Protein backbone atom coordinates (compact mmCIF):
# COMPACT_ATOMS: atom_id res chain seq x y z
CA HIS A 1 68.46 127.88 124.26
CA PRO A 2 65.21 128.66 126.13
CA TYR A 3 65.97 126.64 129.23
CA GLN A 4 69.30 128.36 129.84
CA LEU A 5 67.43 131.58 130.67
CA ASN A 6 65.76 129.93 133.68
CA MET A 7 69.12 129.86 135.46
CA PHE A 8 68.97 133.66 135.77
CA LEU A 9 65.76 133.54 137.84
CA PRO A 10 65.70 132.98 141.60
CA VAL A 11 64.37 129.59 142.63
CA GLY A 12 60.61 129.51 143.09
CA VAL A 13 59.75 132.41 140.75
CA LYS A 14 56.38 131.69 139.14
CA ARG A 15 55.38 135.14 137.84
CA ILE A 16 57.32 137.52 135.65
CA GLY A 17 56.34 141.10 134.87
CA VAL A 18 56.71 142.17 131.26
CA VAL A 19 57.25 145.92 130.89
CA THR A 20 56.94 147.35 127.39
CA SER A 21 54.77 149.60 125.27
CA LEU A 22 51.11 148.58 125.09
CA ILE A 23 51.34 148.06 121.34
CA HIS A 24 54.28 145.62 121.75
CA MET A 25 52.73 143.66 124.63
CA PRO A 26 51.02 140.76 122.73
CA ARG A 27 54.21 139.92 120.84
CA ALA A 28 56.42 140.34 123.92
CA ILE A 29 54.24 138.00 126.00
CA LYS A 30 54.38 135.32 123.28
CA ILE A 31 58.17 135.57 123.10
CA PHE A 32 58.51 135.24 126.87
CA GLU A 33 56.15 132.23 126.84
CA ASN A 34 58.52 130.51 124.39
CA TYR A 35 61.42 130.90 126.82
CA PHE A 36 59.66 130.37 130.14
CA ASP A 37 56.84 127.91 129.55
CA ASP A 38 56.21 127.21 133.22
CA LYS A 39 55.73 130.85 134.29
CA THR A 40 52.83 133.29 134.47
CA PHE A 41 53.37 136.68 132.86
CA ILE A 42 51.91 139.92 134.11
CA ALA A 43 51.56 142.64 131.49
CA LEU A 44 52.80 146.01 132.74
CA PRO A 45 52.30 148.36 129.78
CA VAL A 46 53.88 151.81 129.81
CA GLY A 47 53.21 154.90 127.76
CA ALA A 48 49.56 154.07 127.14
CA VAL A 49 47.18 157.00 127.05
CA ILE A 50 43.54 156.05 127.11
CA GLU A 51 41.10 158.75 126.24
CA LYS A 52 37.41 158.88 125.60
CA PRO A 53 37.01 158.96 121.80
CA HIS A 54 35.90 162.23 120.25
CA TYR A 55 33.74 161.65 117.20
CA ARG A 56 33.75 164.65 114.90
CA PHE A 57 33.37 165.08 111.17
CA ILE A 58 37.01 166.18 110.91
CA GLY A 59 38.00 162.75 112.26
CA ILE A 60 37.30 161.08 108.91
CA ILE A 61 40.05 163.06 107.20
CA PRO A 62 43.33 161.09 107.03
CA SER A 63 46.11 162.39 109.26
CA VAL A 64 49.80 161.81 109.86
CA GLY A 65 49.06 160.58 113.41
CA ALA A 66 46.61 157.97 112.14
CA LEU A 67 49.13 156.82 109.53
CA SER A 68 51.77 156.48 112.24
CA ASN A 69 49.42 154.38 114.39
CA SER A 70 48.51 152.20 111.42
CA THR A 71 52.18 151.68 110.57
CA ALA A 72 53.03 150.68 114.16
CA THR A 73 50.09 148.26 114.26
CA LEU A 74 51.06 146.71 110.91
CA HIS A 75 54.66 146.35 112.16
CA GLU A 76 53.44 144.44 115.22
CA TRP A 77 51.21 142.13 113.16
CA ILE A 78 54.11 141.34 110.85
CA GLY A 79 56.27 140.63 113.92
CA ILE A 80 53.63 138.29 115.36
CA ILE A 81 53.35 136.39 112.07
CA TRP A 82 57.15 136.19 111.81
CA TYR A 83 57.46 134.70 115.28
CA LYS A 84 54.68 132.18 114.56
CA ILE A 85 56.50 131.05 111.44
CA ARG A 86 59.95 131.03 112.99
CA TYR A 87 59.14 129.52 116.40
């Protein structure tokens, strides 16, 4: 039950840091909001590498890396839809 988790927090806690991969963050925040509706969540993503995009002709050719990114993104969207339906 969501309210049972509040007993594990020290009294007076208003903010909770959520540490996960950047791609998982939107879904993780929504899940935490379901369990702790009176708290503020601070996203602390890890493993994110932000680079300036390099636009080259070769970039239009499909690659294994792009397929992997697309698969991970699709997995997250399916997870978000599942949690909306279930909760």
